[in-house]
Amino acid sequence: MDKIKSYEKELAFQADRRKATTEFIKIVSDLWYDKSIEIVLFKNQVIDKNVSDIINLHQYAGEFVQKPISIFDSVEILRTINNMMLPPAKLDIGKLTYEYHADNENEEDVKAFVFNKLRGADKVEEIQPKDVVLYGFGRIGRLVARELMAKTGKGNQMRLRAIVVRGAISQEILEKRASLLRIDSVHGEFNGTVDVDVKNKSLIINGTTVHMITADKPEEIDYTKYGIFNALVIDNTGAFRDKEALSRHLKSKGAAKVLLTAPGQGVPNIVHGVNHKEFDSKDHKIFSAASCTTNAITPILKVIEDSLGIKKGHIETIHAFTNDQNLVDNMHSKYRRGRAATLNMVITETGAGSAVTKALPSLNGKLTSNAIRVPVPNGSLAIINLEVNAKTSKDAINTIMKKYALQGDLVEQIKYSLNNELVSSDIIGTSAPSIYDSKATIVSKDGKNIVLYIWYDNEYGYSHQVIRLAKYISKVRRFTYY
């Protein structure tokens, strides 16, 4: 009889929890679409997630901070936020819920606690929306487009207005472009609608017009003809890599800033979260978001350099194959990359080791690097082998990394994994560029040599870094509480 009663209590609790989760989802949606307030849960996106997703994220959050994170507390805090007069913002409900229990020594009620934590929001300057043009529409371009359109909301920040491609834009081409955006073999279906407007040569994404412009030379484009002014051009073609070539974008009417989604020469190379504050967009018109690998390893290296000091090290990247390689053996300008990408592990070079020093000058001359392309279409791993100045242990390193993943300037960049079963397919769709595998860390007996395993979605995680930097350049970063 006791077992039956216990089971009935479990059923009742599950029903109450799912009901609370449904309210959680509704408030998250209302905050986003009515007030441009984005809610995340320890950096994990919760907009357009289902009940099971939200419950699982709360469970992960509890494991991460080693204290229960209750959906009931989260809902109560969300109700308070929904009743406040806040500007456009991005708020971490996981951090707020955790701090409500961890730091609430005076036993404030929820309303007083939330008002105290978010009291700086009223000092934020009003944001002026920014027009965005994607120059190129490949792997990174389409993922950036997906994220920009999924997070347009009321249009307070970034507005994707046009996409520039080469070649004629016929109905067939529009349909193919739309199809590639609508569904992706790696990242699945786009969570929205994509239609074509043949007459106006446009894609209609979530009911919003995005012009498709054909051009061979960037300086020949007049964006103002499409009602686009003072735009940020995000170049993801890889065709223009230095300041002189990228400056051609600025000769087009309606373009004001340029962001390259690759390492650049003669322009600031920025890893958002690490060195973006060193460059003011008032002083520069062209920026580089560096590479996916540089964005993965630099936040981790900064943590180790600041905490333990780095004498020297080597970085080996186990990288998914890319479109630069051949599907079957054929001629290629570089050695080994001509061999079949889906059948071979291919040793190739990477400039990530030296590129890191553009963001972390203290590591100049201390790092070597190489890469191995492997037969997976997405999901990569950086193995960082370091000799450090201060003696350490696996527990000490994990504690340091968890601290940086929970608070500070790198919370968007570092995700702390507790998963004993983590493999490459698990990290696809992770918005953080660095996923620290806490279970895989190795430390030598003398505590001076460490090996860190850093996973990264070389497409999705990097695309989010591009967008973070784009928002910073465009001065549309909202009030945040992480």
Protein backbone atom coordinates (compact mmCIF):
# COMPACT_ATOMS: atom_id res chain seq x y z
CA MET A 1 0.00 0.00 0.00
CA ASP A 2 2.85 2.37 0.87
CA LYS A 3 4.46 1.69 -2.50
CA ILE A 4 1.20 2.55 -4.28
CA LYS A 5 0.92 5.83 -2.35
CA SER A 6 4.53 6.61 -3.11
CA TYR A 7 3.96 5.96 -6.81
CA GLU A 8 0.85 8.17 -6.80
CA LYS A 9 2.89 10.98 -5.23
CA GLU A 10 5.50 10.59 -7.95
CA LEU A 11 2.82 10.84 -10.63
CA ALA A 12 1.34 13.94 -9.00
CA PHE A 13 4.77 15.57 -8.77
CA GLN A 14 5.50 14.84 -12.43
CA ALA A 15 2.17 16.36 -13.45
CA ASP A 16 2.82 19.50 -11.37
CA ARG A 17 6.34 19.80 -12.76
CA ARG A 18 5.19 19.52 -16.37
CA LYS A 19 2.41 22.04 -15.71
CA ALA A 20 4.96 24.48 -14.25
CA THR A 21 7.22 23.86 -17.24
CA THR A 22 4.38 24.74 -19.59
CA GLU A 23 4.00 28.07 -17.77
CA PHE A 24 7.79 28.53 -17.97
CA ILE A 25 7.65 28.13 -21.76
CA LYS A 26 4.76 30.60 -22.09
CA ILE A 27 6.46 33.30 -20.02
CA VAL A 28 9.75 32.81 -21.92
CA SER A 29 7.86 33.28 -25.19
CA ASP A 30 5.96 36.34 -23.94
CA LEU A 31 9.15 37.97 -22.68
CA TRP A 32 10.89 37.43 -26.00
CA TYR A 33 8.18 38.44 -28.44
CA ASP A 34 6.59 41.21 -26.35
CA LYS A 35 9.59 42.74 -24.59
CA SER A 36 12.70 41.48 -26.46
CA ILE A 37 13.96 39.81 -23.28
CA GLU A 38 15.79 36.57 -24.03
CA ILE A 39 15.93 33.93 -21.29
CA VAL A 40 18.69 31.30 -21.19
CA LEU A 41 19.47 28.57 -18.67
CA PHE A 42 23.19 28.52 -17.92
CA LYS A 43 23.77 29.72 -21.50
CA ASN A 44 21.49 27.08 -22.99
CA GLN A 45 18.75 28.47 -25.20
CA VAL A 46 15.18 27.87 -24.00
CA ILE A 47 13.18 29.74 -26.65
CA ASP A 48 11.12 27.30 -28.75
CA LYS A 49 12.09 24.34 -26.53
CA ASN A 50 9.55 21.72 -25.45
CA VAL A 51 8.64 20.53 -21.95
CA SER A 52 11.12 17.64 -21.90
CA ASP A 53 13.94 19.90 -23.11
CA ILE A 54 13.30 22.38 -20.28
CA ILE A 55 13.14 19.65 -17.62
CA ASN A 56 16.41 18.13 -18.88
CA LEU A 57 18.10 21.54 -18.89
CA HIS A 58 17.07 22.09 -15.27
CA GLN A 59 18.53 18.70 -14.39
CA TYR A 60 21.82 19.61 -16.13
CA ALA A 61 21.85 22.94 -14.29
CA GLY A 62 21.46 21.20 -10.94
CA GLU A 63 24.34 18.85 -11.71
CA PHE A 64 26.47 21.77 -12.89
CA VAL A 65 26.12 23.83 -9.70
CA GLN A 66 25.69 20.74 -7.49
CA LYS A 67 22.45 22.10 -6.05
CA PRO A 68 18.87 21.46 -7.16
CA ILE A 69 17.56 24.01 -9.68
CA SER A 70 13.79 23.82 -9.37
CA ILE A 71 11.42 24.58 -12.23
CA PHE A 72 8.99 25.95 -9.63
CA ASP A 73 11.56 28.53 -8.45
CA SER A 74 12.41 29.40 -12.05
CA VAL A 75 8.76 30.07 -12.85
CA GLU A 76 8.35 32.27 -9.79
CA ILE A 77 11.38 34.34 -10.81
CA LEU A 78 10.13 34.56 -14.40
CA ARG A 79 6.78 35.89 -13.19
CA THR A 80 8.59 38.69 -11.38
CA ILE A 81 10.70 39.51 -14.45
CA ASN A 82 7.58 39.59 -16.60
CA ASN A 83 6.05 42.21 -14.30
CA MET A 84 9.10 44.47 -14.40
CA MET A 85 9.76 47.33 -16.80
CA LEU A 86 13.02 46.14 -18.33
CA PRO A 87 14.81 47.15 -21.55
CA PRO A 88 15.74 44.50 -24.16
CA ALA A 89 17.89 42.03 -22.23
CA LYS A 90 19.41 38.57 -22.04
CA LEU A 91 18.98 36.95 -18.62
CA ASP A 92 20.18 33.63 -17.24
CA ILE A 93 17.32 32.13 -15.23
CA GLY A 94 19.60 29.32 -14.06
CA LYS A 95 22.06 31.75 -12.50
CA LEU A 96 19.25 33.77 -10.91
CA THR A 97 17.61 30.67 -9.45
CA TYR A 98 20.94 29.37 -8.15
CA GLU A 99 21.84 32.72 -6.57
CA TYR A 100 18.42 33.09 -5.01
CA HIS A 101 19.18 30.07 -2.82
CA ALA A 102 22.98 30.41 -2.54
CA ASP A 103 23.27 34.15 -1.81
CA ASN A 104 19.93 34.99 -0.26
CA GLU A 105 21.14 35.25 3.34
CA ASN A 106 18.53 37.86 4.29
CA GLU A 107 15.72 35.67 2.94
CA GLU A 108 14.42 38.35 0.59
CA ASP A 109 11.20 37.55 -1.19
CA VAL A 110 11.58 36.71 -4.87
CA LYS A 111 10.44 40.15 -6.03
CA ALA A 112 12.97 42.01 -3.89
CA PHE A 113 15.76 39.61 -4.88
CA VAL A 114 15.14 39.99 -8.63
CA PHE A 115 14.81 43.77 -8.43
CA ASN A 116 18.12 43.91 -6.56
CA LYS A 117 19.94 41.72 -9.09
CA LEU A 118 18.62 43.56 -12.16
CA ARG A 119 18.72 47.09 -10.80
CA GLY A 120 21.32 48.23 -13.35
CA ALA A 121 19.02 47.62 -16.30
CA ASP A 122 17.52 51.12 -16.19
CA LYS A 123 20.92 52.66 -16.98
CA VAL A 124 21.28 50.93 -20.36
CA GLU A 125 21.21 53.20 -23.39
CA GLU A 126 18.55 52.62 -26.02
CA ILE A 127 19.66 50.30 -28.84
CA GLN A 128 19.52 51.36 -32.49
CA PRO A 129 18.80 48.32 -34.72
CA LYS A 130 21.48 47.35 -37.25
CA ASP A 131 20.96 46.22 -40.86
CA VAL A 132 23.02 43.13 -41.73
CA VAL A 133 24.13 41.83 -45.11
CA LEU A 134 25.54 38.32 -45.53
CA TYR A 135 28.16 38.31 -48.27
CA GLY A 136 28.19 34.63 -49.21
CA PHE A 137 25.76 31.89 -48.25
CA GLY A 138 27.78 28.79 -47.44
CA ARG A 139 27.94 26.70 -44.25
CA ILE A 140 28.61 29.57 -41.85
CA GLY A 141 26.46 32.05 -43.78
CA ARG A 142 23.37 29.84 -43.56
CA LEU A 143 23.84 29.12 -39.86
CA VAL A 144 24.28 32.83 -39.13
CA ALA A 145 21.13 33.50 -41.18
CA ARG A 146 19.22 30.86 -39.22
CA GLU A 147 20.21 32.32 -35.89
CA LEU A 148 19.62 35.92 -36.89
CA MET A 149 16.15 35.15 -38.22
CA ALA A 150 15.22 32.89 -35.30
CA LYS A 151 16.23 35.65 -32.88
CA THR A 152 14.87 38.67 -34.77
CA GLY A 153 11.98 39.06 -32.32
CA LYS A 154 10.83 42.68 -32.53
CA GLY A 155 13.91 43.62 -34.56
CA ASN A 156 15.63 45.58 -31.79
CA GLN A 157 19.12 44.28 -32.57
CA MET A 158 20.30 42.71 -35.82
CA ARG A 159 18.12 42.75 -38.94
CA LEU A 160 19.14 40.44 -41.76
CA ARG A 161 18.21 42.46 -44.86
CA ALA A 162 20.13 40.89 -47.75
CA ILE A 163 22.30 38.00 -48.90
CA VAL A 164 24.88 38.43 -51.69
CA VAL A 165 25.74 35.51 -53.96
CA ARG A 166 27.41 35.02 -57.31
CA GLY A 167 25.59 34.10 -60.51
CA ALA A 168 22.11 34.71 -61.84
CA ILE A 169 19.17 34.48 -59.44
CA SER A 170 16.47 32.44 -61.14
CA GLN A 171 13.46 30.73 -59.61
CA GLU A 172 15.40 27.46 -59.55
CA ILE A 173 18.35 29.09 -57.75
CA LEU A 174 16.02 30.73 -55.22
CA GLU A 175 14.34 27.41 -54.54
CA LYS A 176 17.68 25.70 -54.03
CA ARG A 177 18.92 28.45 -51.71
CA ALA A 178 15.70 28.24 -49.74
CA SER A 179 15.94 24.46 -49.49
CA LEU A 180 19.50 24.59 -48.17
CA LEU A 181 18.40 27.07 -45.51
CA ARG A 182 15.23 25.15 -44.68
CA ILE A 183 16.92 21.81 -43.91
CA ASP A 184 20.49 20.84 -43.18
CA SER A 185 21.98 17.34 -43.10
CA VAL A 186 23.92 18.11 -39.93
CA HIS A 187 21.81 20.67 -38.08
CA GLY A 188 18.34 19.49 -39.09
CA GLU A 189 15.34 21.61 -39.94
CA PHE A 190 15.20 25.37 -39.55
CA ASN A 191 12.75 26.25 -36.80
CA GLY A 192 10.74 28.61 -38.97
CA THR A 193 9.43 29.16 -42.48
CA VAL A 194 11.33 29.84 -45.70
CA ASP A 195 9.52 30.83 -48.90
CA VAL A 196 10.63 32.43 -52.17
CA ASP A 197 9.52 35.64 -53.84
CA VAL A 198 10.57 35.14 -57.46
CA LYS A 199 9.33 38.54 -58.66
CA ASN A 200 11.43 40.47 -56.10
CA LYS A 201 14.30 37.93 -56.05
CA SER A 202 13.97 37.46 -52.31
CA LEU A 203 13.64 34.83 -49.61
CA ILE A 204 10.75 35.30 -47.22
CA ILE A 205 12.09 34.00 -43.90
CA ASN A 206 9.59 33.87 -41.04
CA GLY A 207 7.46 36.30 -43.04
CA THR A 208 10.30 38.83 -43.42
CA THR A 209 11.86 39.82 -46.76
CA VAL A 210 15.56 39.09 -47.25
CA HIS A 211 16.82 40.30 -50.63
CA MET A 212 19.02 38.02 -52.73
CA ILE A 213 21.60 40.16 -54.54
CA THR A 214 23.95 38.88 -57.23
CA ALA A 215 27.38 40.47 -57.58
CA ASP A 216 30.92 39.63 -58.64
CA LYS A 217 32.45 42.76 -57.15
CA PRO A 218 31.38 44.11 -53.74
CA GLU A 219 32.03 47.75 -54.65
CA GLU A 220 29.41 47.60 -57.42
CA ILE A 221 26.50 46.95 -55.03
CA ASP A 222 24.11 49.71 -54.02
CA TYR A 223 22.41 48.46 -50.87
CA THR A 224 20.43 51.68 -50.49
CA LYS A 225 18.27 50.58 -53.46
CA TYR A 226 16.92 47.91 -51.13
CA GLY A 227 16.34 50.29 -48.24
CA ILE A 228 19.53 49.15 -46.50
CA PHE A 229 21.67 51.80 -44.82
CA ASN A 230 24.74 51.85 -42.54
CA ALA A 231 24.89 48.07 -42.77
CA LEU A 232 27.28 45.55 -41.28
CA VAL A 233 28.55 43.25 -44.05
CA ILE A 234 29.45 39.79 -42.78
CA ASP A 235 31.81 38.28 -45.34
CA ASN A 236 31.78 34.48 -45.12
CA THR A 237 33.13 33.73 -48.61
CA GLY A 238 36.78 33.46 -47.62
CA ALA A 239 37.65 35.23 -50.88
CA PHE A 240 38.84 38.44 -49.22
CA ARG A 241 41.28 38.02 -46.34
CA ASP A 242 43.31 41.24 -45.95
CA LYS A 243 42.44 44.84 -45.17
CA GLU A 244 42.82 46.05 -48.75
CA ALA A 245 40.52 43.40 -50.20
CA LEU A 246 37.94 43.70 -47.42
CA SER A 247 37.90 47.49 -47.85
CA ARG A 248 36.17 46.94 -51.18
CA HIS A 249 32.96 46.29 -49.22
CA LEU A 250 33.10 49.79 -47.80
CA LYS A 251 32.99 51.27 -51.30
CA SER A 252 29.45 49.95 -51.80
CA LYS A 253 26.59 52.31 -50.99
CA GLY A 254 24.91 51.50 -47.68
CA ALA A 255 27.79 49.53 -46.08
CA ALA A 256 29.47 50.87 -42.94
CA LYS A 257 31.33 47.99 -41.27
CA VAL A 258 32.79 44.63 -42.34
CA LEU A 259 33.16 41.42 -40.34
CA LEU A 260 35.21 38.55 -41.79
CA THR A 261 34.38 34.99 -40.69
CA ALA A 262 37.99 33.81 -41.03
CA PRO A 263 41.43 34.94 -39.86
CA GLY A 264 42.28 38.32 -41.38
CA GLN A 265 45.49 40.17 -42.18
CA GLY A 266 45.97 43.78 -41.21
CA VAL A 267 42.69 43.92 -39.27
CA PRO A 268 41.77 43.20 -35.64
CA ASN A 269 41.41 39.43 -35.09
CA ILE A 270 38.94 39.05 -32.25
CA VAL A 271 37.80 36.16 -30.09
CA HIS A 272 34.68 37.51 -28.44
CA GLY A 273 34.91 37.26 -24.67
CA VAL A 274 38.70 37.35 -24.70
CA ASN A 275 39.91 40.51 -26.46
CA HIS A 276 36.87 42.22 -28.00
CA LYS A 277 36.94 45.08 -25.49
CA GLU A 278 40.40 46.06 -26.72
CA PHE A 279 38.86 47.34 -29.96
CA ASP A 280 36.24 50.06 -30.20
CA SER A 281 34.11 49.97 -33.34
CA LYS A 282 34.42 53.76 -33.52
CA ASP A 283 38.12 53.30 -34.31
CA HIS A 284 37.84 50.43 -36.80
CA LYS A 285 35.63 49.57 -39.74
CA ILE A 286 36.90 46.06 -40.52
CA PHE A 287 37.10 43.15 -38.09
CA SER A 288 37.92 39.44 -38.19
CA ALA A 289 36.22 36.79 -36.04
CA ALA A 290 39.34 34.57 -36.38
CA SER A 291 38.77 30.83 -36.95
CA CYS A 292 36.54 28.25 -35.31
CA THR A 293 39.56 26.54 -33.74
CA THR A 294 41.01 29.82 -32.45
CA ASN A 295 37.64 30.60 -30.84
CA ALA A 296 37.60 27.14 -29.25
CA ILE A 297 41.05 27.13 -27.69
CA THR A 298 41.67 30.80 -26.83
CA PRO A 299 39.14 31.06 -23.95
CA ILE A 300 40.60 27.91 -22.38
CA LEU A 301 44.19 29.08 -22.83
CA LYS A 302 43.31 32.43 -21.27
CA VAL A 303 41.94 30.67 -18.18
CA ILE A 304 45.09 28.55 -17.81
CA GLU A 305 47.43 31.48 -18.49
CA ASP A 306 45.67 33.69 -15.96
CA SER A 307 45.36 30.94 -13.33
CA LEU A 308 48.49 28.82 -13.65
CA GLY A 309 50.76 30.41 -16.24
CA ILE A 310 51.87 28.63 -19.42
CA LYS A 311 55.52 27.78 -20.17
CA LYS A 312 54.92 26.05 -23.50
CA GLY A 313 52.53 23.68 -25.19
CA HIS A 314 51.19 21.92 -28.26
CA ILE A 315 47.67 21.94 -29.69
CA GLU A 316 46.45 19.08 -31.85
CA THR A 317 43.11 19.61 -33.54
CA ILE A 318 40.94 16.65 -34.50
CA HIS A 319 38.76 18.49 -36.98
CA ALA A 320 35.71 17.51 -39.01
CA PHE A 321 36.32 17.45 -42.74
CA THR A 322 35.36 20.57 -44.68
CA ASN A 323 34.25 21.52 -48.17
CA ASP A 324 37.88 22.39 -48.97
CA GLN A 325 38.70 18.66 -49.15
CA ASN A 326 37.82 16.17 -51.87
CA LEU A 327 35.09 13.56 -51.46
CA VAL A 328 37.19 11.13 -53.55
CA ASP A 329 40.87 11.19 -54.41
CA ASN A 330 41.63 14.04 -56.80
CA MET A 331 44.03 16.89 -57.42
CA HIS A 332 44.31 19.51 -54.67
CA SER A 333 46.56 22.50 -54.19
CA LYS A 334 47.64 21.24 -50.76
CA TYR A 335 49.27 17.96 -49.86
CA ARG A 336 47.01 15.19 -48.44
CA ARG A 337 43.80 17.23 -48.76
CA GLY A 338 43.28 15.68 -52.17
CA ARG A 339 42.63 12.29 -50.59
CA ALA A 340 39.04 11.18 -49.92
CA ALA A 341 37.77 13.11 -46.89
CA THR A 342 35.17 10.55 -45.82
CA LEU A 343 37.62 7.62 -45.91
CA ASN A 344 40.78 8.99 -44.35
CA MET A 345 42.27 10.75 -41.39
CA VAL A 346 44.24 13.55 -43.01
CA ILE A 347 47.12 15.42 -41.39
CA THR A 348 47.09 19.09 -42.33
CA GLU A 349 48.35 22.37 -40.99
CA THR A 350 46.52 24.86 -38.80
CA GLY A 351 47.47 28.38 -37.87
CA ALA A 352 45.49 28.28 -34.62
CA GLY A 353 48.57 28.10 -32.40
CA SER A 354 50.00 31.34 -33.75
CA ALA A 355 46.57 32.94 -34.21
CA VAL A 356 45.93 32.65 -30.47
CA THR A 357 48.72 35.13 -29.81
CA LYS A 358 46.77 37.90 -31.55
CA ALA A 359 44.29 37.66 -28.68
CA LEU A 360 46.80 36.54 -26.03
CA PRO A 361 50.20 38.16 -26.81
CA SER A 362 51.76 36.62 -23.69
CA LEU A 363 51.72 33.24 -25.43
CA ASN A 364 53.81 34.40 -28.37
CA GLY A 365 56.38 31.73 -29.26
CA LYS A 366 55.11 29.27 -26.65
CA LEU A 367 52.71 27.15 -28.73
CA THR A 368 52.92 24.76 -31.65
CA SER A 369 49.91 23.33 -33.45
CA ASN A 370 48.78 20.88 -36.08
CA ALA A 371 45.51 19.35 -37.28
CA ILE A 372 44.02 16.06 -38.36
CA ARG A 373 40.88 16.10 -40.49
CA VAL A 374 38.68 13.09 -39.71
CA PRO A 375 35.64 11.50 -41.44
CA VAL A 376 32.84 13.31 -39.59
CA PRO A 377 30.94 16.24 -41.18
CA ASN A 378 30.87 18.38 -38.03
CA GLY A 379 32.07 18.37 -34.44
CA SER A 380 35.75 18.81 -33.60
CA LEU A 381 38.17 18.33 -30.71
CA ALA A 382 41.24 20.28 -29.63
CA ILE A 383 43.77 18.44 -27.47
CA ILE A 384 45.81 20.99 -25.53
CA ASN A 385 49.05 19.71 -23.99
CA LEU A 386 50.64 22.31 -21.72
CA GLU A 387 53.53 22.74 -19.32
CA VAL A 388 52.35 25.15 -16.64
CA ASN A 389 54.18 27.31 -14.12
CA ALA A 390 52.12 26.50 -11.02
CA LYS A 391 51.66 22.97 -9.72
CA THR A 392 48.09 21.76 -10.10
CA SER A 393 45.78 18.74 -10.07
CA LYS A 394 42.80 17.49 -12.05
CA ASP A 395 40.37 18.60 -9.34
CA ALA A 396 41.99 22.03 -9.16
CA ILE A 397 41.78 22.57 -12.92
CA ASN A 398 38.16 21.41 -13.01
CA THR A 399 37.30 23.80 -10.19
CA ILE A 400 38.94 26.68 -12.06
CA MET A 401 37.13 25.87 -15.30
CA LYS A 402 33.77 25.51 -13.57
CA LYS A 403 34.21 28.93 -11.99
CA TYR A 404 34.90 30.57 -15.35
CA ALA A 405 31.98 28.71 -16.96
CA LEU A 406 29.65 29.93 -14.20
CA GLN A 407 30.66 33.57 -13.84
CA GLY A 408 32.83 36.23 -15.41
CA ASP A 409 33.63 37.36 -18.94
CA LEU A 410 33.81 33.87 -20.48
CA VAL A 411 30.44 32.38 -19.50
CA GLU A 412 29.23 32.52 -23.10
CA GLN A 413 32.42 30.94 -24.37
CA ILE A 414 32.99 27.97 -22.04
CA LYS A 415 30.56 25.14 -21.44
CA TYR A 416 31.53 22.73 -18.67
CA SER A 417 30.70 19.12 -19.49
CA LEU A 418 29.97 16.55 -16.78
CA ASN A 419 29.18 13.79 -19.27
CA ASN A 420 31.16 10.56 -18.96
CA GLU A 421 29.82 9.42 -22.35
CA LEU A 422 30.53 12.58 -24.35
CA VAL A 423 31.30 12.00 -28.04
CA SER A 424 31.47 14.31 -31.06
CA SER A 425 27.83 13.97 -32.14
CA ASP A 426 26.69 15.09 -28.67
CA ILE A 427 28.18 18.56 -29.03
CA ILE A 428 26.49 19.46 -32.32
CA GLY A 429 24.22 22.44 -31.76
CA THR A 430 26.18 23.84 -28.79
CA SER A 431 26.37 27.62 -28.89
CA ALA A 432 29.50 27.87 -26.73
CA PRO A 433 32.69 27.74 -28.84
CA SER A 434 34.56 25.76 -26.13
CA ILE A 435 33.18 22.65 -24.43
CA TYR A 436 35.46 21.64 -21.60
CA ASP A 437 35.48 17.85 -21.07
CA SER A 438 36.02 17.67 -17.31
CA LYS A 439 36.10 13.86 -17.30
CA ALA A 440 38.97 13.64 -19.80
CA THR A 441 41.49 16.03 -18.20
CA ILE A 442 44.92 14.53 -17.47
CA VAL A 443 47.54 15.91 -15.07
CA SER A 444 51.04 14.51 -14.61
CA LYS A 445 52.22 13.29 -11.21
CA ASP A 446 54.35 16.37 -10.66
CA GLY A 447 51.35 18.60 -11.45
CA LYS A 448 53.23 20.58 -14.11
CA ASN A 449 51.99 18.95 -17.32
CA ILE A 450 48.30 19.00 -18.22
CA VAL A 451 46.27 17.68 -21.14
CA LEU A 452 42.87 19.27 -21.78
CA TYR A 453 40.21 18.04 -24.20
CA ILE A 454 38.11 20.83 -25.71
CA TRP A 455 35.20 19.93 -27.96
CA TYR A 456 33.60 22.42 -30.33
CA ASP A 457 30.90 22.56 -32.95
CA ASN A 458 33.10 24.11 -35.61
CA GLU A 459 30.02 25.42 -37.43
CA TYR A 460 27.30 26.25 -34.88
CA GLY A 461 29.49 27.34 -31.96
CA TYR A 462 31.62 29.49 -34.23
CA SER A 463 28.53 31.06 -35.86
CA HIS A 464 27.37 32.20 -32.42
CA GLN A 465 30.77 33.79 -31.79
CA VAL A 466 30.41 35.63 -35.09
CA ILE A 467 27.00 36.94 -34.01
CA ARG A 468 28.27 37.96 -30.57
CA LEU A 469 31.06 39.94 -32.20
CA ALA A 470 28.65 41.40 -34.76
CA LYS A 471 26.45 42.70 -31.94
CA TYR A 472 29.43 44.24 -30.20
CA ILE A 473 30.65 45.93 -33.39
CA SER A 474 27.13 47.22 -34.08
CA LYS A 475 26.62 48.42 -30.50
CA VAL A 476 23.40 46.46 -30.09
CA ARG A 477 24.45 44.37 -27.09
CA ARG A 478 21.58 44.31 -24.62
CA PHE A 479 21.58 44.45 -20.84
CA THR A 480 22.76 41.03 -19.73
CA TYR A 481 22.76 39.04 -16.52
CA TYR A 482 24.73 35.81 -16.67
